[in-house]
Amino acid sequence: MNTHLHEIDLGRRVYVYFNLHKKCWSVRQAGKVVMHANRLCLKDVRYLVAEGGRNKVLQSGVKNVHAGLSGYLVKTVPNIPEVSYDVTYNPFKYNSFVSIENKKPIQHSDYAYLEAGQKYRNVEAIFDIDKVENCITI
């Protein structure tokens, strides 16, 4: 894969989206694609969908880059995730990224592990159990 790690400022967020033509993840920073990867890890992840871009897809039926993840590139994610969900996005079914298991919207995760190949792609949202437990009130 085309990697220009020297061009990436690890202290700034990147925007990552699945590249339909290359069948891999494209990593953009400051408006410029700085890397392509089959696997990568992000921290402090936001799951973003541009409503205008999604509407254009719905009207035309032609896909465009309007959804992706924003976060900080990291070398690894926690070894044993306390809580994790496989995440998907389909502009024809959902207006946000959702958990594959229960279809609930996902807007943020502590980490994400992204993997892609010629016939598949996967995004796993990983949460710190302490933060999950602390945000539940009974």
N, C-alpha and C. Protein backbone atom coordinates (compact mmCIF):
# COMPACT_ATOMS: atom_id res chain seq x y z
N MET A 1 0.83 -1.18 0.00
CA MET A 1 0.00 0.00 0.00
C MET A 1 0.88 1.24 0.00
N ASN A 2 0.33 2.31 -0.50
CA ASN A 2 1.00 3.59 -0.55
C ASN A 2 0.99 4.23 0.83
N THR A 3 2.13 4.32 1.47
CA THR A 3 2.18 4.87 2.82
C THR A 3 3.17 6.03 2.87
N HIS A 4 2.70 7.15 3.36
CA HIS A 4 3.55 8.33 3.52
C HIS A 4 3.47 8.77 4.97
N LEU A 5 3.94 7.90 5.88
CA LEU A 5 3.84 8.21 7.30
C LEU A 5 4.54 9.50 7.67
N HIS A 6 5.58 9.85 6.92
CA HIS A 6 6.28 11.09 7.23
C HIS A 6 5.40 12.31 6.98
N GLU A 7 4.34 12.16 6.20
CA GLU A 7 3.43 13.27 5.91
C GLU A 7 2.31 13.37 6.94
N ILE A 8 2.18 12.41 7.85
CA ILE A 8 1.09 12.40 8.80
C ILE A 8 1.52 13.01 10.13
N ASP A 9 0.75 13.98 10.58
CA ASP A 9 0.96 14.58 11.90
C ASP A 9 0.11 13.77 12.88
N LEU A 10 0.74 12.91 13.69
CA LEU A 10 0.01 12.03 14.59
C LEU A 10 -0.72 12.79 15.69
N GLY A 11 -0.43 14.06 15.85
CA GLY A 11 -1.12 14.89 16.84
C GLY A 11 -2.39 15.54 16.29
N ARG A 12 -2.69 15.27 15.02
CA ARG A 12 -3.90 15.83 14.39
C ARG A 12 -4.79 14.70 13.88
N ARG A 13 -6.07 14.97 13.86
CA ARG A 13 -7.03 13.98 13.37
C ARG A 13 -6.82 13.68 11.89
N VAL A 14 -7.18 12.46 11.53
CA VAL A 14 -7.25 12.06 10.13
C VAL A 14 -8.70 11.71 9.83
N TYR A 15 -9.04 11.69 8.55
CA TYR A 15 -10.35 11.27 8.08
C TYR A 15 -10.12 10.02 7.24
N VAL A 16 -10.82 8.94 7.57
CA VAL A 16 -10.60 7.66 6.90
C VAL A 16 -11.91 7.21 6.24
N TYR A 17 -11.80 6.78 4.98
CA TYR A 17 -12.97 6.28 4.26
C TYR A 17 -12.55 5.09 3.41
N PHE A 18 -13.53 4.26 3.06
CA PHE A 18 -13.24 3.10 2.23
C PHE A 18 -13.18 3.55 0.78
N ASN A 19 -12.08 3.24 0.12
CA ASN A 19 -11.87 3.60 -1.27
C ASN A 19 -12.42 2.47 -2.15
N LEU A 20 -13.54 2.72 -2.81
CA LEU A 20 -14.21 1.69 -3.62
C LEU A 20 -13.36 1.21 -4.79
N HIS A 21 -12.51 2.08 -5.32
CA HIS A 21 -11.69 1.71 -6.49
C HIS A 21 -10.47 0.88 -6.10
N LYS A 22 -9.81 1.25 -5.01
CA LYS A 22 -8.60 0.54 -4.58
C LYS A 22 -8.89 -0.59 -3.61
N LYS A 23 -10.13 -0.67 -3.09
CA LYS A 23 -10.54 -1.70 -2.13
C LYS A 23 -9.67 -1.67 -0.88
N CYS A 24 -9.44 -0.46 -0.37
CA CYS A 24 -8.65 -0.28 0.85
C CYS A 24 -9.13 1.00 1.53
N TRP A 25 -8.52 1.33 2.66
CA TRP A 25 -8.86 2.55 3.38
C TRP A 25 -7.98 3.69 2.89
N SER A 26 -8.58 4.82 2.60
CA SER A 26 -7.83 6.03 2.27
C SER A 26 -7.81 6.91 3.51
N VAL A 27 -6.64 7.48 3.79
CA VAL A 27 -6.46 8.32 4.97
C VAL A 27 -6.16 9.73 4.49
N ARG A 28 -6.99 10.66 4.94
CA ARG A 28 -6.86 12.05 4.52
C ARG A 28 -6.56 12.91 5.74
N GLN A 29 -5.62 13.85 5.55
CA GLN A 29 -5.32 14.83 6.60
C GLN A 29 -5.09 16.17 5.93
N ALA A 30 -5.71 17.20 6.48
CA ALA A 30 -5.60 18.55 5.92
C ALA A 30 -6.02 18.56 4.45
N GLY A 31 -7.06 17.79 4.11
CA GLY A 31 -7.60 17.79 2.76
C GLY A 31 -6.82 16.98 1.74
N LYS A 32 -5.75 16.29 2.18
CA LYS A 32 -4.89 15.55 1.24
C LYS A 32 -4.83 14.08 1.64
N VAL A 33 -4.97 13.18 0.66
CA VAL A 33 -4.80 11.75 0.95
C VAL A 33 -3.31 11.50 1.20
N VAL A 34 -3.01 11.01 2.40
CA VAL A 34 -1.62 10.82 2.80
C VAL A 34 -1.24 9.35 2.92
N MET A 35 -2.24 8.47 2.82
CA MET A 35 -1.93 7.05 3.00
C MET A 35 -3.10 6.19 2.52
N HIS A 36 -2.77 5.00 2.04
CA HIS A 36 -3.74 3.95 1.78
C HIS A 36 -3.31 2.75 2.60
N ALA A 37 -4.27 2.06 3.20
CA ALA A 37 -3.92 0.93 4.07
C ALA A 37 -5.01 -0.13 4.04
N ASN A 38 -4.61 -1.38 4.24
CA ASN A 38 -5.57 -2.48 4.38
C ASN A 38 -6.01 -2.64 5.83
N ARG A 39 -5.15 -2.16 6.75
CA ARG A 39 -5.45 -2.27 8.18
C ARG A 39 -4.96 -1.02 8.88
N LEU A 40 -5.75 -0.52 9.82
CA LEU A 40 -5.28 0.60 10.63
C LEU A 40 -6.10 0.71 11.89
N CYS A 41 -5.56 1.45 12.85
CA CYS A 41 -6.20 1.64 14.15
C CYS A 41 -6.36 3.14 14.40
N LEU A 42 -7.49 3.50 14.97
CA LEU A 42 -7.77 4.89 15.32
C LEU A 42 -8.13 4.99 16.80
N LYS A 43 -7.90 6.17 17.36
CA LYS A 43 -8.26 6.46 18.75
C LYS A 43 -9.16 7.69 18.76
N ASP A 44 -10.07 7.75 19.75
CA ASP A 44 -11.00 8.88 19.89
C ASP A 44 -11.76 9.08 18.58
N VAL A 45 -12.54 8.09 18.21
CA VAL A 45 -13.12 7.99 16.87
C VAL A 45 -14.52 8.60 16.80
N ARG A 46 -14.73 9.38 15.76
CA ARG A 46 -16.05 9.92 15.42
C ARG A 46 -16.50 9.27 14.12
N TYR A 47 -17.76 8.87 14.07
CA TYR A 47 -18.35 8.24 12.89
C TYR A 47 -19.20 9.29 12.20
N LEU A 48 -18.79 9.72 11.01
CA LEU A 48 -19.38 10.88 10.36
C LEU A 48 -20.08 10.54 9.05
N VAL A 49 -21.26 11.12 8.86
CA VAL A 49 -21.98 11.00 7.60
C VAL A 49 -22.43 12.41 7.21
N ALA A 50 -22.03 12.87 6.03
CA ALA A 50 -22.47 14.17 5.52
C ALA A 50 -23.84 13.99 4.89
N GLU A 51 -24.84 14.64 5.46
CA GLU A 51 -26.22 14.48 5.00
C GLU A 51 -26.39 14.85 3.53
N GLY A 52 -25.74 15.94 3.09
CA GLY A 52 -25.84 16.36 1.70
C GLY A 52 -25.29 15.31 0.74
N GLY A 53 -24.16 14.72 1.11
CA GLY A 53 -23.57 13.66 0.28
C GLY A 53 -24.45 12.43 0.23
N ARG A 54 -25.02 12.07 1.36
CA ARG A 54 -25.93 10.92 1.41
C ARG A 54 -27.15 11.18 0.53
N ASN A 55 -27.71 12.39 0.62
CA ASN A 55 -28.87 12.72 -0.20
C ASN A 55 -28.56 12.63 -1.68
N LYS A 56 -27.36 13.04 -2.06
CA LYS A 56 -26.94 12.95 -3.46
C LYS A 56 -26.88 11.49 -3.92
N VAL A 57 -26.37 10.61 -3.04
CA VAL A 57 -26.33 9.18 -3.35
C VAL A 57 -27.74 8.63 -3.52
N LEU A 58 -28.64 9.01 -2.62
CA LEU A 58 -30.02 8.53 -2.68
C LEU A 58 -30.72 9.01 -3.95
N GLN A 59 -30.44 10.22 -4.38
CA GLN A 59 -31.07 10.76 -5.58
C GLN A 59 -30.50 10.18 -6.86
N SER A 60 -29.17 10.02 -6.91
CA SER A 60 -28.51 9.59 -8.14
C SER A 60 -28.25 8.10 -8.22
N GLY A 61 -28.15 7.45 -7.04
CA GLY A 61 -27.79 6.04 -7.02
C GLY A 61 -26.30 5.80 -7.21
N VAL A 62 -25.52 6.87 -7.32
CA VAL A 62 -24.07 6.78 -7.52
C VAL A 62 -23.38 7.11 -6.20
N LYS A 63 -22.51 6.20 -5.76
CA LYS A 63 -21.81 6.42 -4.49
C LYS A 63 -20.76 7.51 -4.62
N ASN A 64 -20.54 8.22 -3.51
CA ASN A 64 -19.50 9.24 -3.41
C ASN A 64 -18.95 9.20 -1.99
N VAL A 65 -17.84 9.89 -1.78
CA VAL A 65 -17.24 9.92 -0.44
C VAL A 65 -18.02 10.92 0.41
N HIS A 66 -18.84 10.40 1.31
CA HIS A 66 -19.62 11.28 2.19
C HIS A 66 -19.69 10.73 3.62
N ALA A 67 -19.04 9.60 3.86
CA ALA A 67 -19.07 8.99 5.18
C ALA A 67 -17.69 8.42 5.50
N GLY A 68 -17.30 8.58 6.76
CA GLY A 68 -16.00 8.05 7.17
C GLY A 68 -15.79 8.23 8.66
N LEU A 69 -14.60 7.91 9.08
CA LEU A 69 -14.24 7.99 10.49
C LEU A 69 -13.17 9.05 10.68
N SER A 70 -13.28 9.80 11.77
CA SER A 70 -12.29 10.79 12.12
C SER A 70 -11.66 10.36 13.44
N GLY A 71 -10.34 10.38 13.51
CA GLY A 71 -9.67 9.99 14.74
C GLY A 71 -8.17 10.18 14.62
N TYR A 72 -7.46 9.71 15.63
CA TYR A 72 -6.00 9.80 15.67
C TYR A 72 -5.41 8.44 15.34
N LEU A 73 -4.51 8.39 14.37
CA LEU A 73 -3.84 7.13 14.04
C LEU A 73 -3.01 6.65 15.22
N VAL A 74 -3.14 5.37 15.55
CA VAL A 74 -2.34 4.74 16.59
C VAL A 74 -1.84 3.40 16.07
N LYS A 75 -0.77 2.89 16.68
CA LYS A 75 -0.20 1.62 16.23
C LYS A 75 -1.04 0.43 16.62
N THR A 76 -1.69 0.49 17.79
CA THR A 76 -2.48 -0.65 18.26
C THR A 76 -3.71 -0.16 19.00
N VAL A 77 -4.62 -1.09 19.21
CA VAL A 77 -5.78 -0.87 20.06
C VAL A 77 -5.61 -1.79 21.27
N PRO A 78 -6.39 -1.60 22.35
CA PRO A 78 -6.24 -2.48 23.51
C PRO A 78 -6.34 -3.96 23.10
N ASN A 79 -5.48 -4.79 23.71
CA ASN A 79 -5.43 -6.21 23.34
C ASN A 79 -6.75 -6.94 23.50
N ILE A 80 -7.37 -6.77 24.63
CA ILE A 80 -8.63 -7.46 24.88
C ILE A 80 -9.70 -6.40 25.09
N PRO A 81 -10.43 -6.08 24.03
CA PRO A 81 -11.43 -5.04 24.19
C PRO A 81 -12.53 -5.49 25.15
N GLU A 82 -12.91 -4.59 26.04
CA GLU A 82 -13.96 -4.89 27.00
C GLU A 82 -15.32 -4.94 26.29
N VAL A 83 -15.56 -3.98 25.44
CA VAL A 83 -16.80 -3.91 24.69
C VAL A 83 -16.45 -3.54 23.26
N SER A 84 -16.96 -4.30 22.29
CA SER A 84 -16.73 -3.95 20.89
C SER A 84 -17.93 -4.33 20.05
N TYR A 85 -18.10 -3.61 18.96
CA TYR A 85 -19.19 -3.84 18.03
C TYR A 85 -18.65 -3.76 16.62
N ASP A 86 -19.10 -4.65 15.75
CA ASP A 86 -18.83 -4.48 14.33
C ASP A 86 -19.80 -3.41 13.85
N VAL A 87 -19.28 -2.51 13.02
CA VAL A 87 -20.04 -1.34 12.59
C VAL A 87 -20.17 -1.35 11.07
N THR A 88 -21.31 -0.86 10.58
CA THR A 88 -21.52 -0.77 9.14
C THR A 88 -22.20 0.54 8.80
N TYR A 89 -22.13 0.88 7.51
CA TYR A 89 -22.87 2.03 7.00
C TYR A 89 -23.31 1.71 5.59
N ASN A 90 -24.57 1.92 5.30
CA ASN A 90 -25.13 1.76 3.96
C ASN A 90 -26.07 2.94 3.76
N PRO A 91 -25.77 3.84 2.83
CA PRO A 91 -26.59 5.04 2.67
C PRO A 91 -28.04 4.74 2.28
N PHE A 92 -28.30 3.56 1.71
CA PHE A 92 -29.65 3.20 1.30
C PHE A 92 -30.48 2.63 2.45
N LYS A 93 -29.80 2.27 3.57
CA LYS A 93 -30.49 1.69 4.72
C LYS A 93 -30.45 2.56 5.96
N TYR A 94 -29.34 3.30 6.15
CA TYR A 94 -29.13 4.02 7.40
C TYR A 94 -28.67 5.45 7.12
N ASN A 95 -28.96 6.35 8.06
CA ASN A 95 -28.45 7.72 7.93
C ASN A 95 -27.23 7.96 8.81
N SER A 96 -26.73 6.88 9.45
CA SER A 96 -25.53 6.96 10.28
C SER A 96 -24.85 5.59 10.27
N PHE A 97 -23.66 5.54 10.85
CA PHE A 97 -23.03 4.24 11.09
C PHE A 97 -23.84 3.55 12.17
N VAL A 98 -23.98 2.22 12.08
CA VAL A 98 -24.76 1.47 13.05
C VAL A 98 -24.02 0.20 13.46
N SER A 99 -24.39 -0.31 14.63
CA SER A 99 -23.90 -1.60 15.08
C SER A 99 -24.55 -2.67 14.21
N ILE A 100 -23.76 -3.61 13.71
CA ILE A 100 -24.32 -4.69 12.88
C ILE A 100 -25.29 -5.53 13.70
N GLU A 101 -24.97 -5.72 14.97
CA GLU A 101 -25.76 -6.59 15.83
C GLU A 101 -27.16 -6.06 16.12
N ASN A 102 -27.25 -4.80 16.55
CA ASN A 102 -28.56 -4.29 16.97
C ASN A 102 -29.05 -3.09 16.17
N LYS A 103 -28.29 -2.67 15.17
CA LYS A 103 -28.65 -1.56 14.28
C LYS A 103 -28.76 -0.21 14.98
N LYS A 104 -28.22 -0.09 16.19
CA LYS A 104 -28.23 1.19 16.90
C LYS A 104 -27.12 2.08 16.35
N PRO A 105 -27.40 3.39 16.25
CA PRO A 105 -26.38 4.31 15.72
C PRO A 105 -25.12 4.34 16.58
N ILE A 106 -23.98 4.46 15.92
CA ILE A 106 -22.68 4.61 16.57
C ILE A 106 -22.13 5.95 16.12
N GLN A 107 -21.86 6.83 17.07
CA GLN A 107 -21.32 8.14 16.73
C GLN A 107 -19.90 8.34 17.23
N HIS A 108 -19.49 7.56 18.23
CA HIS A 108 -18.15 7.72 18.81
C HIS A 108 -17.71 6.40 19.41
N SER A 109 -16.41 6.14 19.38
CA SER A 109 -15.84 5.01 20.13
C SER A 109 -14.45 5.42 20.59
N ASP A 110 -13.98 4.74 21.62
CA ASP A 110 -12.63 5.03 22.12
C ASP A 110 -11.58 4.67 21.08
N TYR A 111 -11.78 3.53 20.42
CA TYR A 111 -10.86 3.06 19.38
C TYR A 111 -11.67 2.45 18.25
N ALA A 112 -11.01 2.28 17.12
CA ALA A 112 -11.59 1.52 16.01
C ALA A 112 -10.48 0.75 15.33
N TYR A 113 -10.79 -0.48 14.95
CA TYR A 113 -9.87 -1.32 14.18
C TYR A 113 -10.50 -1.49 12.81
N LEU A 114 -9.82 -1.06 11.76
CA LEU A 114 -10.35 -1.13 10.40
C LEU A 114 -9.52 -2.10 9.59
N GLU A 115 -10.19 -2.92 8.82
CA GLU A 115 -9.51 -3.92 8.00
C GLU A 115 -10.26 -4.02 6.67
N ALA A 116 -9.52 -4.22 5.58
CA ALA A 116 -10.16 -4.32 4.27
C ALA A 116 -9.37 -5.25 3.37
N GLY A 117 -10.09 -5.90 2.47
CA GLY A 117 -9.50 -6.75 1.45
C GLY A 117 -10.27 -6.59 0.16
N GLN A 118 -9.97 -7.40 -0.82
CA GLN A 118 -10.63 -7.28 -2.12
C GLN A 118 -12.14 -7.50 -2.03
N LYS A 119 -12.59 -8.39 -1.14
CA LYS A 119 -14.01 -8.71 -1.09
C LYS A 119 -14.67 -8.40 0.25
N TYR A 120 -13.98 -7.69 1.10
CA TYR A 120 -14.58 -7.40 2.41
C TYR A 120 -13.99 -6.13 2.99
N ARG A 121 -14.70 -5.62 3.98
CA ARG A 121 -14.19 -4.54 4.82
C ARG A 121 -14.87 -4.65 6.17
N ASN A 122 -14.18 -4.29 7.22
CA ASN A 122 -14.72 -4.41 8.56
C ASN A 122 -14.25 -3.23 9.41
N VAL A 123 -15.18 -2.72 10.21
CA VAL A 123 -14.86 -1.69 11.19
C VAL A 123 -15.34 -2.20 12.53
N GLU A 124 -14.43 -2.25 13.49
CA GLU A 124 -14.79 -2.69 14.84
C GLU A 124 -14.63 -1.50 15.78
N ALA A 125 -15.73 -1.10 16.42
CA ALA A 125 -15.72 -0.02 17.40
C ALA A 125 -15.38 -0.63 18.75
N ILE A 126 -14.39 -0.07 19.44
CA ILE A 126 -13.92 -0.62 20.71
C ILE A 126 -14.08 0.44 21.80
N PHE A 127 -14.67 0.02 22.92
CA PHE A 127 -14.96 0.94 24.01
C PHE A 127 -14.22 0.52 25.27
N ASP A 128 -13.78 1.49 26.03
CA ASP A 128 -13.18 1.28 27.34
C ASP A 128 -14.31 0.97 28.32
N ILE A 129 -14.27 -0.19 28.98
CA ILE A 129 -15.36 -0.62 29.86
C ILE A 129 -15.63 0.38 30.97
N ASP A 130 -14.59 1.04 31.49
CA ASP A 130 -14.81 2.02 32.56
C ASP A 130 -15.68 3.17 32.07
N LYS A 131 -15.43 3.63 30.86
CA LYS A 131 -16.22 4.72 30.31
C LYS A 131 -17.64 4.26 30.03
N VAL A 132 -17.80 3.03 29.56
CA VAL A 132 -19.15 2.50 29.29
C VAL A 132 -19.93 2.39 30.58
N GLU A 133 -19.30 1.81 31.61
CA GLU A 133 -20.00 1.66 32.90
C GLU A 133 -20.32 3.02 33.51
N ASN A 134 -19.42 3.98 33.38
CA ASN A 134 -19.65 5.29 33.98
C ASN A 134 -20.76 6.09 33.32
N CYS A 135 -21.13 5.74 32.10
CA CYS A 135 -22.17 6.52 31.43
C CYS A 135 -23.54 5.85 31.55
N ILE A 136 -23.63 4.74 32.26
CA ILE A 136 -24.91 4.07 32.46
C ILE A 136 -25.46 4.46 33.83
N THR A 137 -26.68 4.98 33.85
CA THR A 137 -27.31 5.31 35.13
C THR A 137 -28.57 4.49 35.28
N ILE A 138 -28.77 3.98 36.48
CA ILE A 138 -29.94 3.13 36.74
C ILE A 138 -30.82 3.80 37.78
